[in-house]
Amino acid sequence: MTTWSGAQIARWLTDAGFSGDEVVHGVALALAVSGGADHYQFNPTSVPSTERRGLYGMARHELPTVCYADLFDPVQATEMLRVVYLGQGNRWDWHPVHNSGAALAQEPMIRLMLKQPAPGQPAVDTGGMMGALGRMVGARKAIQQAGVNRGP
């Protein structure tokens, strides 16, 4: 069993066709479900086909009818996550960990990790190179003015 970083999970999600907030929520889902472990397995009822497995904790009944994907392989699991996500109309509410709010609670940390701004919030704008030059020139003028005011 390997435990993967959020950055690696984000790469798999991006490679599978997820983007923006989908990547953030996909990473949050994986970390909330399995902690990033690719061989996660959970079967609280011991009822066949209800077992959740793999990085995203998916159950066989959520997958397409004919599915030979190995959910313990993170790349195949991510591709199946994309299939299910699209099949559900680009929604996450089919997954119990999404519905519990556990994935949503992870999103602020994931956004910081991936350096992605929250929806509706612009990225921090420092003014770029021109802003930095303007601040330096302003500081230089303030130092010069302080020297003039100090007198002989």
N, C-alpha and C. Protein backbone atom coordinates (compact mmCIF):
# COMPACT_ATOMS: atom_id res chain seq x y z
N MET A 1 0.86 -1.18 0.00
CA MET A 1 0.00 0.00 0.00
C MET A 1 0.89 1.23 0.00
N THR A 2 0.51 2.19 -0.81
CA THR A 2 1.23 3.46 -0.89
C THR A 2 0.27 4.58 -0.51
N THR A 3 0.78 5.54 0.24
CA THR A 3 -0.01 6.73 0.56
C THR A 3 0.54 7.87 -0.31
N TRP A 4 -0.33 8.44 -1.12
CA TRP A 4 0.05 9.44 -2.10
C TRP A 4 -0.19 10.85 -1.59
N SER A 5 0.59 11.78 -2.08
CA SER A 5 0.42 13.19 -1.70
C SER A 5 -0.74 13.80 -2.48
N GLY A 6 -1.25 14.90 -1.95
CA GLY A 6 -2.31 15.63 -2.64
C GLY A 6 -1.87 16.12 -4.00
N ALA A 7 -0.59 16.50 -4.13
CA ALA A 7 -0.08 16.98 -5.41
C ALA A 7 -0.10 15.87 -6.46
N GLN A 8 0.27 14.64 -6.06
CA GLN A 8 0.25 13.52 -7.01
C GLN A 8 -1.19 13.19 -7.40
N ILE A 9 -2.08 13.20 -6.43
CA ILE A 9 -3.49 12.92 -6.71
C ILE A 9 -4.04 13.98 -7.69
N ALA A 10 -3.65 15.23 -7.48
CA ALA A 10 -4.09 16.32 -8.37
C ALA A 10 -3.60 16.07 -9.80
N ARG A 11 -2.38 15.57 -9.96
CA ARG A 11 -1.87 15.27 -11.31
C ARG A 11 -2.72 14.19 -11.99
N TRP A 12 -3.06 13.13 -11.23
CA TRP A 12 -3.89 12.07 -11.82
C TRP A 12 -5.26 12.61 -12.21
N LEU A 13 -5.83 13.46 -11.35
CA LEU A 13 -7.15 14.03 -11.65
C LEU A 13 -7.08 14.89 -12.91
N THR A 14 -6.04 15.69 -13.02
CA THR A 14 -5.87 16.54 -14.20
C THR A 14 -5.68 15.69 -15.45
N ASP A 15 -4.86 14.65 -15.34
CA ASP A 15 -4.64 13.75 -16.48
C ASP A 15 -5.94 13.07 -16.92
N ALA A 16 -6.83 12.81 -15.97
CA ALA A 16 -8.10 12.15 -16.29
C ALA A 16 -9.14 13.12 -16.86
N GLY A 17 -8.85 14.42 -16.84
CA GLY A 17 -9.77 15.38 -17.44
C GLY A 17 -10.46 16.31 -16.47
N PHE A 18 -10.18 16.19 -15.18
CA PHE A 18 -10.74 17.12 -14.20
C PHE A 18 -9.98 18.45 -14.29
N SER A 19 -10.63 19.54 -13.88
CA SER A 19 -9.94 20.84 -13.88
C SER A 19 -10.50 21.73 -12.77
N GLY A 20 -9.73 22.73 -12.39
CA GLY A 20 -10.17 23.74 -11.43
C GLY A 20 -10.71 23.17 -10.13
N ASP A 21 -11.95 23.57 -9.80
CA ASP A 21 -12.58 23.13 -8.55
C ASP A 21 -12.80 21.63 -8.51
N GLU A 22 -12.94 21.00 -9.68
CA GLU A 22 -13.09 19.55 -9.72
C GLU A 22 -11.85 18.87 -9.15
N VAL A 23 -10.67 19.40 -9.49
CA VAL A 23 -9.42 18.83 -8.98
C VAL A 23 -9.35 19.03 -7.47
N VAL A 24 -9.68 20.22 -7.01
CA VAL A 24 -9.66 20.51 -5.57
C VAL A 24 -10.57 19.54 -4.83
N HIS A 25 -11.79 19.36 -5.33
CA HIS A 25 -12.74 18.49 -4.63
C HIS A 25 -12.32 17.02 -4.76
N GLY A 26 -11.75 16.64 -5.89
CA GLY A 26 -11.28 15.26 -6.06
C GLY A 26 -10.17 14.92 -5.08
N VAL A 27 -9.22 15.84 -4.90
CA VAL A 27 -8.14 15.63 -3.92
C VAL A 27 -8.73 15.58 -2.52
N ALA A 28 -9.64 16.50 -2.23
CA ALA A 28 -10.28 16.53 -0.90
C ALA A 28 -11.03 15.22 -0.64
N LEU A 29 -11.72 14.71 -1.65
CA LEU A 29 -12.44 13.45 -1.52
C LEU A 29 -11.48 12.31 -1.21
N ALA A 30 -10.39 12.22 -1.98
CA ALA A 30 -9.41 11.14 -1.77
C ALA A 30 -8.81 11.21 -0.37
N LEU A 31 -8.44 12.40 0.08
CA LEU A 31 -7.81 12.52 1.40
C LEU A 31 -8.82 12.29 2.52
N ALA A 32 -10.07 12.70 2.31
CA ALA A 32 -11.10 12.48 3.33
C ALA A 32 -11.46 11.00 3.43
N VAL A 33 -11.49 10.30 2.29
CA VAL A 33 -11.87 8.89 2.27
C VAL A 33 -10.74 8.00 2.78
N SER A 34 -9.59 8.11 2.13
CA SER A 34 -8.53 7.12 2.35
C SER A 34 -7.26 7.68 2.93
N GLY A 35 -7.21 9.00 3.13
CA GLY A 35 -5.96 9.61 3.59
C GLY A 35 -4.88 9.53 2.52
N GLY A 36 -5.27 9.25 1.27
CA GLY A 36 -4.31 9.16 0.17
C GLY A 36 -3.80 7.74 -0.05
N ALA A 37 -4.33 6.77 0.69
CA ALA A 37 -3.88 5.38 0.56
C ALA A 37 -4.57 4.69 -0.61
N ASP A 38 -3.78 4.09 -1.50
CA ASP A 38 -4.38 3.47 -2.69
C ASP A 38 -5.03 2.12 -2.42
N HIS A 39 -4.72 1.46 -1.32
CA HIS A 39 -5.32 0.16 -1.02
C HIS A 39 -6.33 0.24 0.13
N TYR A 40 -6.99 1.39 0.23
CA TYR A 40 -8.03 1.58 1.24
C TYR A 40 -9.17 0.58 0.97
N GLN A 41 -9.72 0.03 2.05
CA GLN A 41 -10.82 -0.92 1.93
C GLN A 41 -11.72 -0.75 3.14
N PHE A 42 -13.03 -0.61 2.91
CA PHE A 42 -13.98 -0.42 4.00
C PHE A 42 -15.27 -1.14 3.66
N ASN A 43 -15.71 -2.03 4.53
CA ASN A 43 -16.96 -2.75 4.34
C ASN A 43 -17.66 -2.89 5.68
N PRO A 44 -18.44 -1.89 6.06
CA PRO A 44 -19.05 -1.90 7.39
C PRO A 44 -20.14 -2.94 7.57
N THR A 45 -20.75 -3.39 6.48
CA THR A 45 -21.89 -4.29 6.61
C THR A 45 -21.59 -5.73 6.23
N SER A 46 -20.42 -5.97 5.65
CA SER A 46 -20.04 -7.30 5.14
C SER A 46 -21.00 -7.80 4.07
N VAL A 47 -21.76 -6.92 3.47
CA VAL A 47 -22.65 -7.29 2.37
C VAL A 47 -21.85 -7.19 1.08
N PRO A 48 -21.86 -8.25 0.26
CA PRO A 48 -21.11 -8.20 -0.99
C PRO A 48 -21.51 -7.00 -1.85
N SER A 49 -20.55 -6.44 -2.53
CA SER A 49 -20.66 -5.30 -3.46
C SER A 49 -20.90 -3.97 -2.76
N THR A 50 -20.92 -3.92 -1.44
CA THR A 50 -21.04 -2.63 -0.76
C THR A 50 -19.68 -2.13 -0.29
N GLU A 51 -18.67 -2.95 -0.46
CA GLU A 51 -17.33 -2.58 -0.03
C GLU A 51 -16.82 -1.37 -0.80
N ARG A 52 -16.22 -0.44 -0.08
CA ARG A 52 -15.61 0.73 -0.71
C ARG A 52 -14.11 0.48 -0.74
N ARG A 53 -13.52 0.79 -1.88
CA ARG A 53 -12.10 0.49 -2.00
C ARG A 53 -11.36 1.49 -2.86
N GLY A 54 -10.06 1.51 -2.65
CA GLY A 54 -9.18 2.35 -3.45
C GLY A 54 -9.05 3.77 -2.93
N LEU A 55 -8.30 4.54 -3.65
CA LEU A 55 -7.97 5.92 -3.30
C LEU A 55 -9.21 6.77 -3.02
N TYR A 56 -10.27 6.57 -3.80
CA TYR A 56 -11.49 7.38 -3.68
C TYR A 56 -12.61 6.66 -2.95
N GLY A 57 -12.36 5.46 -2.48
CA GLY A 57 -13.37 4.71 -1.73
C GLY A 57 -14.65 4.50 -2.53
N MET A 58 -14.51 4.01 -3.75
CA MET A 58 -15.69 3.78 -4.59
C MET A 58 -16.19 2.35 -4.41
N ALA A 59 -17.49 2.17 -4.57
CA ALA A 59 -18.11 0.85 -4.50
C ALA A 59 -18.41 0.37 -5.92
N ARG A 60 -18.35 -0.92 -6.11
CA ARG A 60 -18.59 -1.51 -7.44
C ARG A 60 -19.95 -1.11 -8.02
N HIS A 61 -20.98 -1.00 -7.17
CA HIS A 61 -22.31 -0.67 -7.70
C HIS A 61 -22.39 0.75 -8.26
N GLU A 62 -21.40 1.59 -7.97
CA GLU A 62 -21.37 2.97 -8.50
C GLU A 62 -20.73 3.04 -9.88
N LEU A 63 -20.04 1.98 -10.27
CA LEU A 63 -19.29 1.97 -11.52
C LEU A 63 -20.17 1.50 -12.67
N PRO A 64 -19.71 1.75 -13.91
CA PRO A 64 -20.46 1.25 -15.07
C PRO A 64 -20.66 -0.27 -14.97
N THR A 65 -21.70 -0.77 -15.62
CA THR A 65 -22.06 -2.18 -15.53
C THR A 65 -20.88 -3.10 -15.82
N VAL A 66 -20.21 -2.90 -16.92
CA VAL A 66 -19.05 -3.71 -17.26
C VAL A 66 -17.81 -2.89 -16.93
N CYS A 67 -17.18 -3.25 -15.84
CA CYS A 67 -16.01 -2.48 -15.41
C CYS A 67 -14.96 -3.45 -14.87
N TYR A 68 -13.82 -3.42 -15.52
CA TYR A 68 -12.73 -4.29 -15.10
C TYR A 68 -11.61 -3.48 -14.45
N ALA A 69 -11.90 -2.28 -14.06
CA ALA A 69 -10.88 -1.42 -13.47
C ALA A 69 -10.44 -1.95 -12.11
N ASP A 70 -9.16 -1.82 -11.86
CA ASP A 70 -8.60 -2.17 -10.57
C ASP A 70 -8.65 -0.91 -9.70
N LEU A 71 -9.57 -0.86 -8.75
CA LEU A 71 -9.73 0.34 -7.93
C LEU A 71 -8.57 0.56 -6.98
N PHE A 72 -7.70 -0.44 -6.82
CA PHE A 72 -6.50 -0.25 -6.00
C PHE A 72 -5.37 0.39 -6.80
N ASP A 73 -5.53 0.51 -8.11
CA ASP A 73 -4.57 1.22 -8.97
C ASP A 73 -5.05 2.67 -9.04
N PRO A 74 -4.28 3.61 -8.51
CA PRO A 74 -4.77 4.99 -8.45
C PRO A 74 -5.10 5.61 -9.81
N VAL A 75 -4.37 5.24 -10.86
CA VAL A 75 -4.64 5.79 -12.18
C VAL A 75 -5.99 5.27 -12.70
N GLN A 76 -6.21 3.95 -12.59
CA GLN A 76 -7.48 3.38 -13.03
C GLN A 76 -8.64 3.87 -12.16
N ALA A 77 -8.39 4.00 -10.87
CA ALA A 77 -9.44 4.50 -9.97
C ALA A 77 -9.82 5.93 -10.34
N THR A 78 -8.84 6.75 -10.69
CA THR A 78 -9.12 8.13 -11.07
C THR A 78 -9.91 8.18 -12.38
N GLU A 79 -9.56 7.31 -13.32
CA GLU A 79 -10.32 7.27 -14.57
C GLU A 79 -11.77 6.84 -14.31
N MET A 80 -11.97 5.90 -13.41
CA MET A 80 -13.34 5.47 -13.06
C MET A 80 -14.08 6.57 -12.31
N LEU A 81 -13.36 7.32 -11.47
CA LEU A 81 -13.98 8.45 -10.79
C LEU A 81 -14.52 9.44 -11.81
N ARG A 82 -13.75 9.69 -12.87
CA ARG A 82 -14.17 10.61 -13.92
C ARG A 82 -15.42 10.08 -14.63
N VAL A 83 -15.45 8.79 -14.93
CA VAL A 83 -16.60 8.18 -15.60
C VAL A 83 -17.85 8.34 -14.75
N VAL A 84 -17.72 8.04 -13.46
CA VAL A 84 -18.88 8.14 -12.56
C VAL A 84 -19.30 9.60 -12.41
N TYR A 85 -18.34 10.50 -12.23
CA TYR A 85 -18.62 11.92 -12.08
C TYR A 85 -19.40 12.46 -13.29
N LEU A 86 -18.93 12.13 -14.48
CA LEU A 86 -19.62 12.57 -15.69
C LEU A 86 -20.99 11.91 -15.81
N GLY A 87 -21.07 10.64 -15.47
CA GLY A 87 -22.33 9.92 -15.53
C GLY A 87 -23.38 10.46 -14.57
N GLN A 88 -22.92 11.10 -13.50
CA GLN A 88 -23.83 11.69 -12.52
C GLN A 88 -24.11 13.16 -12.83
N GLY A 89 -23.77 13.60 -14.03
CA GLY A 89 -24.05 14.98 -14.42
C GLY A 89 -23.10 15.98 -13.79
N ASN A 90 -21.81 15.61 -13.69
CA ASN A 90 -20.78 16.47 -13.10
C ASN A 90 -21.11 16.83 -11.65
N ARG A 91 -21.55 15.82 -10.93
CA ARG A 91 -21.93 16.03 -9.52
C ARG A 91 -21.20 15.02 -8.64
N TRP A 92 -21.01 15.41 -7.39
CA TRP A 92 -20.33 14.55 -6.41
C TRP A 92 -21.30 13.92 -5.42
N ASP A 93 -22.58 14.27 -5.46
CA ASP A 93 -23.50 13.86 -4.40
C ASP A 93 -23.84 12.37 -4.42
N TRP A 94 -23.25 11.59 -5.28
CA TRP A 94 -23.41 10.14 -5.28
C TRP A 94 -22.48 9.49 -4.24
N HIS A 95 -21.47 10.24 -3.78
CA HIS A 95 -20.46 9.67 -2.88
C HIS A 95 -20.80 10.02 -1.43
N PRO A 96 -20.87 9.04 -0.53
CA PRO A 96 -21.24 9.31 0.86
C PRO A 96 -20.27 10.23 1.60
N VAL A 97 -19.00 10.23 1.24
CA VAL A 97 -18.06 11.11 1.93
C VAL A 97 -18.28 12.56 1.51
N HIS A 98 -18.69 12.77 0.26
CA HIS A 98 -19.07 14.12 -0.16
C HIS A 98 -20.30 14.57 0.64
N ASN A 99 -21.29 13.68 0.72
CA ASN A 99 -22.54 14.02 1.42
C ASN A 99 -22.33 14.26 2.90
N SER A 100 -21.33 13.64 3.48
CA SER A 100 -21.06 13.82 4.92
C SER A 100 -20.44 15.19 5.22
N GLY A 101 -19.89 15.84 4.21
CA GLY A 101 -19.22 17.13 4.41
C GLY A 101 -17.74 17.00 4.71
N ALA A 102 -17.25 15.77 4.83
CA ALA A 102 -15.83 15.56 5.17
C ALA A 102 -14.90 16.06 4.06
N ALA A 103 -15.30 15.86 2.80
CA ALA A 103 -14.46 16.34 1.70
C ALA A 103 -14.47 17.87 1.64
N LEU A 104 -15.64 18.46 1.82
CA LEU A 104 -15.75 19.92 1.80
C LEU A 104 -14.89 20.55 2.88
N ALA A 105 -14.81 19.92 4.04
CA ALA A 105 -13.99 20.44 5.14
C ALA A 105 -12.51 20.45 4.79
N GLN A 106 -12.09 19.60 3.87
CA GLN A 106 -10.68 19.52 3.47
C GLN A 106 -10.30 20.57 2.42
N GLU A 107 -11.30 21.12 1.74
CA GLU A 107 -11.00 21.98 0.60
C GLU A 107 -10.13 23.19 0.89
N PRO A 108 -10.33 23.93 2.00
CA PRO A 108 -9.43 25.08 2.23
C PRO A 108 -7.95 24.67 2.30
N MET A 109 -7.67 23.55 2.95
CA MET A 109 -6.29 23.08 3.04
C MET A 109 -5.78 22.68 1.65
N ILE A 110 -6.63 22.02 0.87
CA ILE A 110 -6.24 21.58 -0.47
C ILE A 110 -5.95 22.79 -1.35
N ARG A 111 -6.77 23.83 -1.25
CA ARG A 111 -6.54 25.04 -2.05
C ARG A 111 -5.19 25.66 -1.71
N LEU A 112 -4.85 25.69 -0.43
CA LEU A 112 -3.54 26.23 -0.05
C LEU A 112 -2.42 25.35 -0.61
N MET A 113 -2.60 24.05 -0.50
CA MET A 113 -1.58 23.12 -0.97
C MET A 113 -1.37 23.26 -2.48
N LEU A 114 -2.47 23.39 -3.22
CA LEU A 114 -2.38 23.51 -4.67
C LEU A 114 -2.22 24.95 -5.13
N LYS A 115 -2.22 25.88 -4.17
CA LYS A 115 -2.09 27.32 -4.46
C LYS A 115 -3.16 27.78 -5.43
N GLN A 116 -4.40 27.39 -5.14
CA GLN A 116 -5.53 27.76 -5.99
C GLN A 116 -6.49 28.62 -5.16
N PRO A 117 -6.90 29.79 -5.68
CA PRO A 117 -7.82 30.64 -4.92
C PRO A 117 -9.19 30.00 -4.78
N ALA A 118 -9.88 30.37 -3.73
CA ALA A 118 -11.25 29.89 -3.52
C ALA A 118 -12.16 30.50 -4.58
N PRO A 119 -13.26 29.82 -4.91
CA PRO A 119 -14.17 30.39 -5.92
C PRO A 119 -14.69 31.74 -5.48
N GLY A 120 -14.75 32.67 -6.41
CA GLY A 120 -15.26 34.00 -6.10
C GLY A 120 -14.23 34.91 -5.47
N GLN A 121 -13.03 34.40 -5.25
CA GLN A 121 -11.97 35.23 -4.68
C GLN A 121 -10.83 35.31 -5.69
N PRO A 122 -10.41 36.53 -6.03
CA PRO A 122 -9.31 36.64 -6.99
C PRO A 122 -8.00 36.17 -6.35
N ALA A 123 -7.10 35.74 -7.19
CA ALA A 123 -5.76 35.41 -6.69
C ALA A 123 -5.14 36.68 -6.14
N VAL A 124 -4.25 36.55 -5.21
CA VAL A 124 -3.58 37.71 -4.63
C VAL A 124 -2.77 38.40 -5.71
N ASP A 125 -2.99 39.70 -5.88
CA ASP A 125 -2.27 40.46 -6.89
C ASP A 125 -1.30 41.38 -6.18
N THR A 126 -0.01 41.13 -6.37
CA THR A 126 1.01 41.95 -5.72
C THR A 126 1.46 43.08 -6.63
N GLY A 127 0.86 43.21 -7.81
CA GLY A 127 1.24 44.28 -8.72
C GLY A 127 2.35 43.87 -9.66
N GLY A 128 2.83 42.67 -9.55
CA GLY A 128 3.88 42.19 -10.45
C GLY A 128 5.15 43.00 -10.33
N MET A 129 5.95 42.99 -11.38
CA MET A 129 7.24 43.67 -11.40
C MET A 129 7.06 45.19 -11.28
N MET A 130 6.06 45.73 -11.96
CA MET A 130 5.86 47.19 -11.90
C MET A 130 5.45 47.62 -10.48
N GLY A 131 4.63 46.80 -9.82
CA GLY A 131 4.23 47.11 -8.45
C GLY A 131 5.43 47.09 -7.51
N ALA A 132 6.30 46.09 -7.69
CA ALA A 132 7.50 45.98 -6.85
C ALA A 132 8.43 47.17 -7.09
N LEU A 133 8.61 47.56 -8.35
CA LEU A 133 9.46 48.72 -8.66
C LEU A 133 8.88 50.00 -8.06
N GLY A 134 7.56 50.13 -8.15
CA GLY A 134 6.91 51.32 -7.59
C GLY A 134 7.11 51.40 -6.07
N ARG A 135 7.01 50.27 -5.40
CA ARG A 135 7.22 50.26 -3.95
C ARG A 135 8.68 50.59 -3.60
N MET A 136 9.62 50.09 -4.43
CA MET A 136 11.04 50.38 -4.17
C MET A 136 11.33 51.86 -4.38
N VAL A 137 10.81 52.43 -5.44
CA VAL A 137 11.02 53.87 -5.71
C VAL A 137 10.39 54.70 -4.60
N GLY A 138 9.20 54.31 -4.16
CA GLY A 138 8.54 55.03 -3.08
C GLY A 138 9.35 54.95 -1.79
N ALA A 139 9.93 53.78 -1.50
CA ALA A 139 10.76 53.63 -0.30
C ALA A 139 12.01 54.49 -0.42
N ARG A 140 12.61 54.53 -1.60
CA ARG A 140 13.83 55.34 -1.81
C ARG A 140 13.53 56.82 -1.59
N LYS A 141 12.40 57.28 -2.12
CA LYS A 141 12.03 58.69 -1.94
C LYS A 141 11.78 59.00 -0.47
N ALA A 142 11.15 58.07 0.23
CA ALA A 142 10.89 58.29 1.66
C ALA A 142 12.19 58.37 2.44
N ILE A 143 13.17 57.56 2.09
CA ILE A 143 14.48 57.59 2.77
C ILE A 143 15.20 58.91 2.47
N GLN A 144 15.15 59.33 1.19
CA GLN A 144 15.78 60.60 0.83
C GLN A 144 15.13 61.77 1.57
N GLN A 145 13.80 61.76 1.64
CA GLN A 145 13.08 62.83 2.30
C GLN A 145 13.42 62.85 3.81
N ALA A 146 13.56 61.67 4.40
CA ALA A 146 13.92 61.60 5.83
C ALA A 146 15.29 62.21 6.05
N GLY A 147 16.23 61.98 5.10
CA GLY A 147 17.57 62.55 5.23
C GLY A 147 17.55 64.07 5.09
N VAL A 148 16.72 64.60 4.20
CA VAL A 148 16.60 66.05 4.01
C VAL A 148 16.00 66.67 5.25
N ASN A 149 14.99 66.03 5.83
CA ASN A 149 14.33 66.58 7.00
C ASN A 149 15.20 66.55 8.25
N ARG A 150 16.20 65.68 8.26
CA ARG A 150 17.05 65.54 9.42
C ARG A 150 17.95 66.74 9.59
N GLY A 151 18.30 67.38 8.50
CA GLY A 151 19.12 68.57 8.56
C GLY A 151 20.62 68.25 8.62
N PRO A 152 21.46 69.32 8.77
CA PRO A 152 22.93 69.13 8.76
C PRO A 152 23.47 68.48 10.00
